[in-house]
Amino acid sequence: MKPLYRVQDFAELAGVTVRALHHYDRLGLLKPRRTDAGYRLYGDRDLERLEQIVALKFLGLPLKQIKALLDRDALDLPDALRVQRRQLELKRCLLDRAIRAIQDAEMTLQPGQRPEAAVLKKIIEVIEMQDNQDWMAKYSSDAAKEKMAARRQEWTPELQERVSREWKDLFRDVEAALGQDPAGPVAQALAVRWKKLVEEFTLGDPDLTKSVGNAWADKPNWPAKAQEQAQPFSDTRVWEFMGRAMKCGDGKP
């Protein structure tokens, strides 16, 4: 029989505080079994779940979201570790980019000189990319999270700036074409551009495509900053027109 641990022994084994274990218990995040006298008893499966809690907490997820995620998508430890590793690799990649951007800014500045706006903009963009990947995770399956982490390692601030500019140009062109026939050549050309831009990130992968679709379907519940960033793309007439155009032609996803 595998050993069971009282709360103090389990805390020492896991390297956490008793207070933290009590807190996780109150939240229903880590529920140990109880003795007849009411003492908490922890086993190996509790240690596995605690490892996932600690890793997800380090990645920036709130405890309420961690509970919902673990209760819904219980993973075997090898799968959980693989997902965590990919997420941490992405976080490290983004941190490295932020450090390089700050180093570049330091190298361009002379004592007493104020930085150019473009230099500070680059730093802000890199840091905001990390914020975005944290809250977007809830819209992805475990398979999609791994693919998302890999894709975002390739998604540089320069690429983000170019794609954002192309989306703004496309939205402007669609707004100018709202009176066109959705099945006509103008609308179909716009549908091709639309699909190409979507696949710029998803690469046509169905898991990534579904994650992006899930996120946009829940747009009213996005964080305030994300909603502000999406404001240029909020014209419902554009979305409705492109939906009709996609159904009419080869641009259908």
C-alpha atoms as a PDB file:
ATOM      1  CA  MET A   1       0.000   0.000   0.000  1.00  0.00           C
ATOM      2  CA  LYS A   2       1.303   3.419  -0.924  1.00  0.00           C
ATOM      3  CA  PRO A   3       1.950   5.732   2.023  1.00  0.00           C
ATOM      4  CA  LEU A   4      -0.414   8.476   3.117  1.00  0.00           C
ATOM      5  CA  TYR A   5       0.829  11.681   4.705  1.00  0.00           C
ATOM      6  CA  ARG A   6      -0.568  14.007   7.326  1.00  0.00           C
ATOM      7  CA  VAL A   7      -0.709  17.625   6.254  1.00  0.00           C
ATOM      8  CA  GLN A   8       2.578  18.658   7.939  1.00  0.00           C
ATOM      9  CA  ASP A   9       4.525  15.749   6.439  1.00  0.00           C
ATOM     10  CA  PHE A  10       2.968  16.295   3.023  1.00  0.00           C
ATOM     11  CA  ALA A  11       3.830  19.986   3.117  1.00  0.00           C
ATOM     12  CA  GLU A  12       7.480  19.132   3.844  1.00  0.00           C
ATOM     13  CA  LEU A  13       7.505  16.476   1.133  1.00  0.00           C
ATOM     14  CA  ALA A  14       6.056  18.850  -1.474  1.00  0.00           C
ATOM     15  CA  GLY A  15       7.950  21.966  -0.428  1.00  0.00           C
ATOM     16  CA  VAL A  16       4.840  24.059   0.244  1.00  0.00           C
ATOM     17  CA  THR A  17       3.337  25.532   3.380  1.00  0.00           C
ATOM     18  CA  VAL A  18       0.589  23.962   5.464  1.00  0.00           C
ATOM     19  CA  ARG A  19      -1.288  27.223   5.050  1.00  0.00           C
ATOM     20  CA  ALA A  20      -1.234  26.807   1.259  1.00  0.00           C
ATOM     21  CA  LEU A  21      -2.588  23.260   1.534  1.00  0.00           C
ATOM     22  CA  HIS A  22      -5.387  24.444   3.795  1.00  0.00           C
ATOM     23  CA  HIS A  23      -6.196  27.211   1.296  1.00  0.00           C
ATOM     24  CA  TYR A  24      -6.313  24.776  -1.634  1.00  0.00           C
ATOM     25  CA  ASP A  25      -8.583  22.507   0.413  1.00  0.00           C
ATOM     26  CA  ARG A  26     -11.004  25.344   1.201  1.00  0.00           C
ATOM     27  CA  LEU A  27     -11.191  26.196  -2.497  1.00  0.00           C
ATOM     28  CA  GLY A  28     -11.835  22.579  -3.434  1.00  0.00           C
ATOM     29  CA  LEU A  29      -8.670  22.691  -5.516  1.00  0.00           C
ATOM     30  CA  LEU A  30      -6.849  19.910  -3.663  1.00  0.00           C
ATOM     31  CA  LYS A  31      -9.217  17.771  -1.578  1.00  0.00           C
ATOM     32  CA  PRO A  32      -7.425  15.162   0.575  1.00  0.00           C
ATOM     33  CA  ARG A  33      -9.200  12.256   2.149  1.00  0.00           C
ATOM     34  CA  ARG A  34      -9.979  12.494   5.873  1.00  0.00           C
ATOM     35  CA  THR A  35      -9.534  10.184   8.826  1.00  0.00           C
ATOM     36  CA  ASP A  36     -12.463   9.413  11.108  1.00  0.00           C
ATOM     37  CA  ALA A  37     -11.086  12.094  13.406  1.00  0.00           C
ATOM     38  CA  GLY A  38     -11.064  14.648  10.548  1.00  0.00           C
ATOM     39  CA  TYR A  39      -7.308  14.776   9.880  1.00  0.00           C
ATOM     40  CA  ARG A  40      -6.239  15.376   6.276  1.00  0.00           C
ATOM     41  CA  LEU A  41      -4.420  12.537   4.499  1.00  0.00           C
ATOM     42  CA  TYR A  42      -2.528  13.026   1.233  1.00  0.00           C
ATOM     43  CA  GLY A  43      -1.252  10.447  -1.277  1.00  0.00           C
ATOM     44  CA  ASP A  44       0.706  10.240  -4.512  1.00  0.00           C
ATOM     45  CA  ARG A  45      -2.215  11.401  -6.665  1.00  0.00           C
ATOM     46  CA  ASP A  46      -2.523  14.487  -4.483  1.00  0.00           C
ATOM     47  CA  LEU A  47       1.158  15.209  -5.089  1.00  0.00           C
ATOM     48  CA  GLU A  48       0.613  14.953  -8.853  1.00  0.00           C
ATOM     49  CA  ARG A  49      -2.321  17.347  -8.712  1.00  0.00           C
ATOM     50  CA  LEU A  50      -0.383  19.730  -6.481  1.00  0.00           C
ATOM     51  CA  GLU A  51       2.439  19.793  -9.027  1.00  0.00           C
ATOM     52  CA  GLN A  52      -0.057  20.809 -11.722  1.00  0.00           C
ATOM     53  CA  ILE A  53      -1.569  23.478  -9.454  1.00  0.00           C
ATOM     54  CA  VAL A  54       1.832  24.991  -8.669  1.00  0.00           C
ATOM     55  CA  ALA A  55       2.939  24.930 -12.327  1.00  0.00           C
ATOM     56  CA  LEU A  56      -0.264  26.533 -13.622  1.00  0.00           C
ATOM     57  CA  LYS A  57      -0.143  29.131 -10.842  1.00  0.00           C
ATOM     58  CA  PHE A  58       3.415  29.989 -11.885  1.00  0.00           C
ATOM     59  CA  LEU A  59       2.183  30.438 -15.460  1.00  0.00           C
ATOM     60  CA  GLY A  60      -0.149  33.145 -14.192  1.00  0.00           C
ATOM     61  CA  LEU A  61      -3.513  31.388 -14.081  1.00  0.00           C
ATOM     62  CA  PRO A  62      -5.807  32.346 -11.167  1.00  0.00           C
ATOM     63  CA  LEU A  63      -6.704  29.548  -8.750  1.00  0.00           C
ATOM     64  CA  LYS A  64     -10.377  29.572  -9.764  1.00  0.00           C
ATOM     65  CA  GLN A  65      -9.417  28.991 -13.387  1.00  0.00           C
ATOM     66  CA  ILE A  66      -6.912  26.287 -12.408  1.00  0.00           C
ATOM     67  CA  LYS A  67      -9.648  24.393 -10.547  1.00  0.00           C
ATOM     68  CA  ALA A  68     -12.004  24.564 -13.524  1.00  0.00           C
ATOM     69  CA  LEU A  69      -9.221  23.471 -15.868  1.00  0.00           C
ATOM     70  CA  LEU A  70      -8.087  20.501 -13.773  1.00  0.00           C
ATOM     71  CA  ASP A  71     -11.623  19.371 -12.988  1.00  0.00           C
ATOM     72  CA  ARG A  72     -12.560  19.506 -16.664  1.00  0.00           C
ATOM     73  CA  ASP A  73      -9.350  18.267 -18.303  1.00  0.00           C
ATOM     74  CA  ALA A  74      -7.707  15.867 -15.877  1.00  0.00           C
ATOM     75  CA  LEU A  75      -4.439  14.801 -17.511  1.00  0.00           C
ATOM     76  CA  ASP A  76      -2.112  11.944 -16.763  1.00  0.00           C
ATOM     77  CA  LEU A  77       1.101  13.280 -15.299  1.00  0.00           C
ATOM     78  CA  PRO A  78       3.262  12.750 -18.445  1.00  0.00           C
ATOM     79  CA  ASP A  79       0.734  14.656 -20.576  1.00  0.00           C
ATOM     80  CA  ALA A  80       0.389  17.391 -17.965  1.00  0.00           C
ATOM     81  CA  LEU A  81       4.161  17.803 -17.722  1.00  0.00           C
ATOM     82  CA  ARG A  82       4.482  18.031 -21.502  1.00  0.00           C
ATOM     83  CA  VAL A  83       1.847  20.783 -21.685  1.00  0.00           C
ATOM     84  CA  GLN A  84       3.491  22.660 -18.809  1.00  0.00           C
ATOM     85  CA  ARG A  85       6.918  22.402 -20.434  1.00  0.00           C
ATOM     86  CA  ARG A  86       5.655  23.846 -23.697  1.00  0.00           C
ATOM     87  CA  GLN A  87       3.946  26.718 -21.876  1.00  0.00           C
ATOM     88  CA  LEU A  88       7.084  27.450 -19.856  1.00  0.00           C
ATOM     89  CA  GLU A  89       9.204  27.351 -23.018  1.00  0.00           C
ATOM     90  CA  LEU A  90       6.868  29.908 -24.544  1.00  0.00           C
ATOM     91  CA  LYS A  91       7.064  32.079 -21.435  1.00  0.00           C
ATOM     92  CA  ARG A  92      10.875  31.862 -21.509  1.00  0.00           C
ATOM     93  CA  CYS A  93      10.893  32.792 -25.199  1.00  0.00           C
ATOM     94  CA  LEU A  94       8.726  35.846 -24.550  1.00  0.00           C
ATOM     95  CA  LEU A  95      10.841  36.878 -21.569  1.00  0.00           C
ATOM     96  CA  ASP A  96      13.990  36.559 -23.687  1.00  0.00           C
ATOM     97  CA  ARG A  97      12.417  38.817 -26.315  1.00  0.00           C
ATOM     98  CA  ALA A  98      11.485  41.389 -23.679  1.00  0.00           C
ATOM     99  CA  ILE A  99      15.033  41.321 -22.265  1.00  0.00           C
ATOM    100  CA  ARG A 100      16.527  41.771 -25.763  1.00  0.00           C
ATOM    101  CA  ALA A 101      14.161  44.659 -26.499  1.00  0.00           C
ATOM    102  CA  ILE A 102      15.176  46.396 -23.259  1.00  0.00           C
ATOM    103  CA  GLN A 103      18.866  45.738 -23.951  1.00  0.00           C
ATOM    104  CA  ASP A 104      18.474  47.271 -27.416  1.00  0.00           C
ATOM    105  CA  ALA A 105      16.872  50.330 -25.833  1.00  0.00           C
ATOM    106  CA  GLU A 106      19.722  50.634 -23.313  1.00  0.00           C
ATOM    107  CA  MET A 107      22.334  50.455 -26.084  1.00  0.00           C
ATOM    108  CA  THR A 108      20.708  53.224 -28.133  1.00  0.00           C
ATOM    109  CA  LEU A 109      20.426  55.663 -25.254  1.00  0.00           C
ATOM    110  CA  GLN A 110      23.049  58.194 -24.284  1.00  0.00           C
ATOM    111  CA  PRO A 111      23.179  59.532 -20.705  1.00  0.00           C
ATOM    112  CA  GLY A 112      20.356  62.032 -20.225  1.00  0.00           C
ATOM    113  CA  GLN A 113      18.766  61.166 -23.552  1.00  0.00           C
ATOM    114  CA  ARG A 114      15.070  60.299 -23.805  1.00  0.00           C
ATOM    115  CA  PRO A 115      14.198  57.131 -25.739  1.00  0.00           C
ATOM    116  CA  GLU A 116      12.415  57.297 -29.084  1.00  0.00           C
ATOM    117  CA  ALA A 117       8.773  56.283 -29.094  1.00  0.00           C
ATOM    118  CA  ALA A 118       9.474  53.365 -31.453  1.00  0.00           C
ATOM    119  CA  VAL A 119      11.916  51.824 -28.980  1.00  0.00           C
ATOM    120  CA  LEU A 120       9.418  51.939 -26.109  1.00  0.00           C
ATOM    121  CA  LYS A 121       6.641  50.699 -28.408  1.00  0.00           C
ATOM    122  CA  LYS A 122       8.710  47.592 -29.168  1.00  0.00           C
ATOM    123  CA  ILE A 123       9.120  46.809 -25.443  1.00  0.00           C
ATOM    124  CA  ILE A 124       5.402  47.306 -24.773  1.00  0.00           C
ATOM    125  CA  GLU A 125       4.416  45.030 -27.664  1.00  0.00           C
ATOM    126  CA  VAL A 126       6.676  42.212 -26.458  1.00  0.00           C
ATOM    127  CA  ILE A 127       5.337  42.359 -22.900  1.00  0.00           C
ATOM    128  CA  GLU A 128       1.707  42.551 -24.065  1.00  0.00           C
ATOM    129  CA  MET A 129       2.229  39.444 -26.205  1.00  0.00           C
ATOM    130  CA  GLN A 130       2.921  37.554 -22.964  1.00  0.00           C
ATOM    131  CA  ASP A 131      -0.227  38.945 -21.328  1.00  0.00           C
ATOM    132  CA  ASN A 132      -2.309  37.897 -24.317  1.00  0.00           C
ATOM    133  CA  GLN A 133      -1.128  34.280 -24.334  1.00  0.00           C
ATOM    134  CA  ASP A 134      -2.045  33.878 -20.630  1.00  0.00           C
ATOM    135  CA  TRP A 135      -5.757  34.720 -20.901  1.00  0.00           C
ATOM    136  CA  MET A 136      -6.206  33.083 -24.308  1.00  0.00           C
ATOM    137  CA  ALA A 137      -5.281  29.657 -22.936  1.00  0.00           C
ATOM    138  CA  LYS A 138      -8.795  28.944 -21.653  1.00  0.00           C
ATOM    139  CA  TYR A 139     -10.168  28.812 -25.191  1.00  0.00           C
ATOM    140  CA  SER A 140      -7.877  25.989 -26.270  1.00  0.00           C
ATOM    141  CA  SER A 141      -7.937  22.232 -25.878  1.00  0.00           C
ATOM    142  CA  ASP A 142      -4.813  20.571 -24.506  1.00  0.00           C
ATOM    143  CA  ALA A 143      -3.755  19.614 -28.030  1.00  0.00           C
ATOM    144  CA  ALA A 144      -4.288  23.192 -29.197  1.00  0.00           C
ATOM    145  CA  LYS A 145      -2.317  24.617 -26.261  1.00  0.00           C
ATOM    146  CA  GLU A 146       0.785  22.729 -27.349  1.00  0.00           C
ATOM    147  CA  LYS A 147       0.401  23.890 -30.938  1.00  0.00           C
ATOM    148  CA  MET A 148      -0.382  27.429 -29.771  1.00  0.00           C
ATOM    149  CA  ALA A 149       2.784  27.521 -27.670  1.00  0.00           C
ATOM    150  CA  ALA A 150       4.889  26.365 -30.614  1.00  0.00           C
ATOM    151  CA  ARG A 151       3.265  28.872 -32.991  1.00  0.00           C
ATOM    152  CA  ARG A 152       3.710  31.787 -30.639  1.00  0.00           C
ATOM    153  CA  GLN A 153       7.420  31.115 -30.340  1.00  0.00           C
ATOM    154  CA  GLU A 154       7.589  32.044 -34.016  1.00  0.00           C
ATOM    155  CA  TRP A 155       5.206  35.006 -33.689  1.00  0.00           C
ATOM    156  CA  THR A 156       7.500  38.027 -33.369  1.00  0.00           C
ATOM    157  CA  PRO A 157       6.400  41.619 -32.589  1.00  0.00           C
ATOM    158  CA  GLU A 158       7.378  42.540 -36.154  1.00  0.00           C
ATOM    159  CA  LEU A 159       5.115  39.840 -37.544  1.00  0.00           C
ATOM    160  CA  GLN A 160       2.311  40.920 -35.218  1.00  0.00           C
ATOM    161  CA  GLU A 161       2.649  44.515 -36.424  1.00  0.00           C
ATOM    162  CA  ARG A 162       2.503  43.490 -40.089  1.00  0.00           C
ATOM    163  CA  VAL A 163      -0.494  41.187 -39.616  1.00  0.00           C
ATOM    164  CA  SER A 164      -2.370  43.830 -37.582  1.00  0.00           C
ATOM    165  CA  ARG A 165      -1.778  46.348 -40.355  1.00  0.00           C
ATOM    166  CA  GLU A 166      -3.074  43.898 -42.975  1.00  0.00           C
ATOM    167  CA  TRP A 167      -6.192  43.166 -40.911  1.00  0.00           C
ATOM    168  CA  LYS A 168      -6.936  46.887 -40.591  1.00  0.00           C
ATOM    169  CA  ASP A 169      -6.510  47.320 -44.351  1.00  0.00           C
ATOM    170  CA  LEU A 170      -8.806  44.350 -44.985  1.00  0.00           C
ATOM    171  CA  PHE A 171     -11.507  45.639 -42.639  1.00  0.00           C
ATOM    172  CA  ARG A 172     -11.393  49.025 -44.373  1.00  0.00           C
ATOM    173  CA  ASP A 173     -11.765  47.342 -47.772  1.00  0.00           C
ATOM    174  CA  VAL A 174     -14.659  45.162 -46.561  1.00  0.00           C
ATOM    175  CA  GLU A 175     -16.460  48.190 -45.142  1.00  0.00           C
ATOM    176  CA  ALA A 176     -16.153  49.829 -48.566  1.00  0.00           C
ATOM    177  CA  ALA A 177     -17.628  46.706 -50.208  1.00  0.00           C
ATOM    178  CA  LEU A 178     -20.636  46.118 -47.939  1.00  0.00           C
ATOM    179  CA  GLY A 179     -23.013  46.900 -50.809  1.00  0.00           C
ATOM    180  CA  GLN A 180     -21.476  44.235 -53.058  1.00  0.00           C
ATOM    181  CA  ASP A 181     -22.913  40.804 -53.818  1.00  0.00           C
ATOM    182  CA  PRO A 182     -21.332  38.332 -51.313  1.00  0.00           C
ATOM    183  CA  ALA A 183     -20.994  35.834 -54.169  1.00  0.00           C
ATOM    184  CA  GLY A 184     -19.480  38.397 -56.531  1.00  0.00           C
ATOM    185  CA  PRO A 185     -15.805  38.739 -57.475  1.00  0.00           C
ATOM    186  CA  VAL A 186     -15.086  41.650 -55.114  1.00  0.00           C
ATOM    187  CA  ALA A 187     -16.458  39.873 -52.059  1.00  0.00           C
ATOM    188  CA  GLN A 188     -14.802  36.592 -53.014  1.00  0.00           C
ATOM    189  CA  ALA A 189     -11.427  38.280 -53.378  1.00  0.00           C
ATOM    190  CA  LEU A 190     -11.900  39.724 -49.883  1.00  0.00           C
ATOM    191  CA  ALA A 191     -12.842  36.249 -48.589  1.00  0.00           C
ATOM    192  CA  VAL A 192      -9.598  34.835 -49.956  1.00  0.00           C
ATOM    193  CA  ARG A 193      -7.616  37.590 -48.195  1.00  0.00           C
ATOM    194  CA  TRP A 194      -9.582  36.936 -44.978  1.00  0.00           C
ATOM    195  CA  LYS A 195      -8.865  33.211 -45.016  1.00  0.00           C
ATOM    196  CA  LYS A 196      -5.187  33.841 -45.799  1.00  0.00           C
ATOM    197  CA  LEU A 197      -4.834  36.146 -42.791  1.00  0.00           C
ATOM    198  CA  VAL A 198      -6.560  33.672 -40.472  1.00  0.00           C
ATOM    199  CA  GLU A 199      -4.207  30.948 -41.667  1.00  0.00           C
ATOM    200  CA  GLU A 200      -1.233  33.265 -41.146  1.00  0.00           C
ATOM    201  CA  PHE A 201      -1.525  32.282 -37.493  1.00  0.00           C
ATOM    202  CA  THR A 202      -3.387  28.968 -37.541  1.00  0.00           C
ATOM    203  CA  LEU A 203      -1.535  27.529 -40.565  1.00  0.00           C
ATOM    204  CA  GLY A 204      -4.832  25.833 -41.399  1.00  0.00           C
ATOM    205  CA  ASP A 205      -4.625  23.604 -38.311  1.00  0.00           C
ATOM    206  CA  PRO A 206      -8.154  22.687 -37.140  1.00  0.00           C
ATOM    207  CA  ASP A 207      -7.242  22.789 -33.417  1.00  0.00           C
ATOM    208  CA  LEU A 208      -5.804  26.298 -33.681  1.00  0.00           C
ATOM    209  CA  THR A 209      -8.659  27.440 -35.905  1.00  0.00           C
ATOM    210  CA  LYS A 210     -11.183  26.217 -33.337  1.00  0.00           C
ATOM    211  CA  SER A 211      -9.305  27.978 -30.511  1.00  0.00           C
ATOM    212  CA  VAL A 212      -9.367  31.284 -32.369  1.00  0.00           C
ATOM    213  CA  GLY A 213     -13.065  30.800 -33.145  1.00  0.00           C
ATOM    214  CA  ASN A 214     -13.836  30.016 -29.495  1.00  0.00           C
ATOM    215  CA  ALA A 215     -12.046  33.165 -28.399  1.00  0.00           C
ATOM    216  CA  TRP A 216     -13.883  35.476 -30.821  1.00  0.00           C
ATOM    217  CA  ALA A 217     -17.231  33.906 -29.914  1.00  0.00           C
ATOM    218  CA  ASP A 218     -16.585  34.925 -26.281  1.00  0.00           C
ATOM    219  CA  LYS A 219     -15.351  38.436 -27.090  1.00  0.00           C
ATOM    220  CA  PRO A 220     -17.762  40.189 -24.644  1.00  0.00           C
ATOM    221  CA  ASN A 221     -15.940  38.413 -21.791  1.00  0.00           C
ATOM    222  CA  TRP A 222     -12.421  39.355 -22.865  1.00  0.00           C
ATOM    223  CA  PRO A 223     -10.226  41.428 -20.527  1.00  0.00           C
ATOM    224  CA  ALA A 224     -10.665  45.181 -20.988  1.00  0.00           C
ATOM    225  CA  LYS A 225      -7.260  45.591 -22.615  1.00  0.00           C
ATOM    226  CA  ALA A 226      -7.962  42.872 -25.174  1.00  0.00           C
ATOM    227  CA  GLN A 227     -11.357  44.382 -26.013  1.00  0.00           C
ATOM    228  CA  GLU A 228      -9.697  47.748 -26.549  1.00  0.00           C
ATOM    229  CA  GLN A 229      -7.126  46.188 -28.891  1.00  0.00           C
ATOM    230  CA  ALA A 230      -9.928  44.488 -30.848  1.00  0.00           C
ATOM    231  CA  GLN A 231     -12.019  47.647 -31.183  1.00  0.00           C
ATOM    232  CA  PRO A 232     -10.907  48.363 -34.805  1.00  0.00           C
ATOM    233  CA  PHE A 233     -12.294  44.934 -35.743  1.00  0.00           C
ATOM    234  CA  SER A 234     -15.673  45.183 -34.002  1.00  0.00           C
ATOM    235  CA  ASP A 235     -17.939  46.268 -36.857  1.00  0.00           C
ATOM    236  CA  THR A 236     -20.592  43.527 -36.901  1.00  0.00           C
ATOM    237  CA  ARG A 237     -21.536  44.421 -40.493  1.00  0.00           C
ATOM    238  CA  VAL A 238     -18.078  43.325 -41.617  1.00  0.00           C
ATOM    239  CA  TRP A 239     -18.328  39.973 -39.821  1.00  0.00           C
ATOM    240  CA  GLU A 240     -21.813  39.287 -41.158  1.00  0.00           C
ATOM    241  CA  PHE A 241     -20.839  40.204 -44.726  1.00  0.00           C
ATOM    242  CA  MET A 242     -17.712  38.057 -44.640  1.00  0.00           C
ATOM    243  CA  GLY A 243     -19.705  35.176 -43.162  1.00  0.00           C
ATOM    244  CA  ARG A 244     -22.036  35.302 -46.162  1.00  0.00           C
ATOM    245  CA  ALA A 245     -19.116  35.636 -48.579  1.00  0.00           C
ATOM    246  CA  MET A 246     -17.361  32.635 -47.047  1.00  0.00           C
ATOM    247  CA  LYS A 247     -20.447  30.485 -47.486  1.00  0.00           C
ATOM    248  CA  CYS A 248     -20.802  31.521 -51.117  1.00  0.00           C
ATOM    249  CA  GLY A 249     -17.372  30.656 -52.442  1.00  0.00           C
ATOM    250  CA  ASP A 250     -14.007  29.054 -52.170  1.00  0.00           C
ATOM    251  CA  GLY A 251     -13.141  31.171 -49.165  1.00  0.00           C
ATOM    252  CA  LYS A 252     -15.385  28.982 -46.987  1.00  0.00           C
ATOM    253  CA  PRO A 253     -13.261  27.804 -43.971  1.00  0.00           C
END
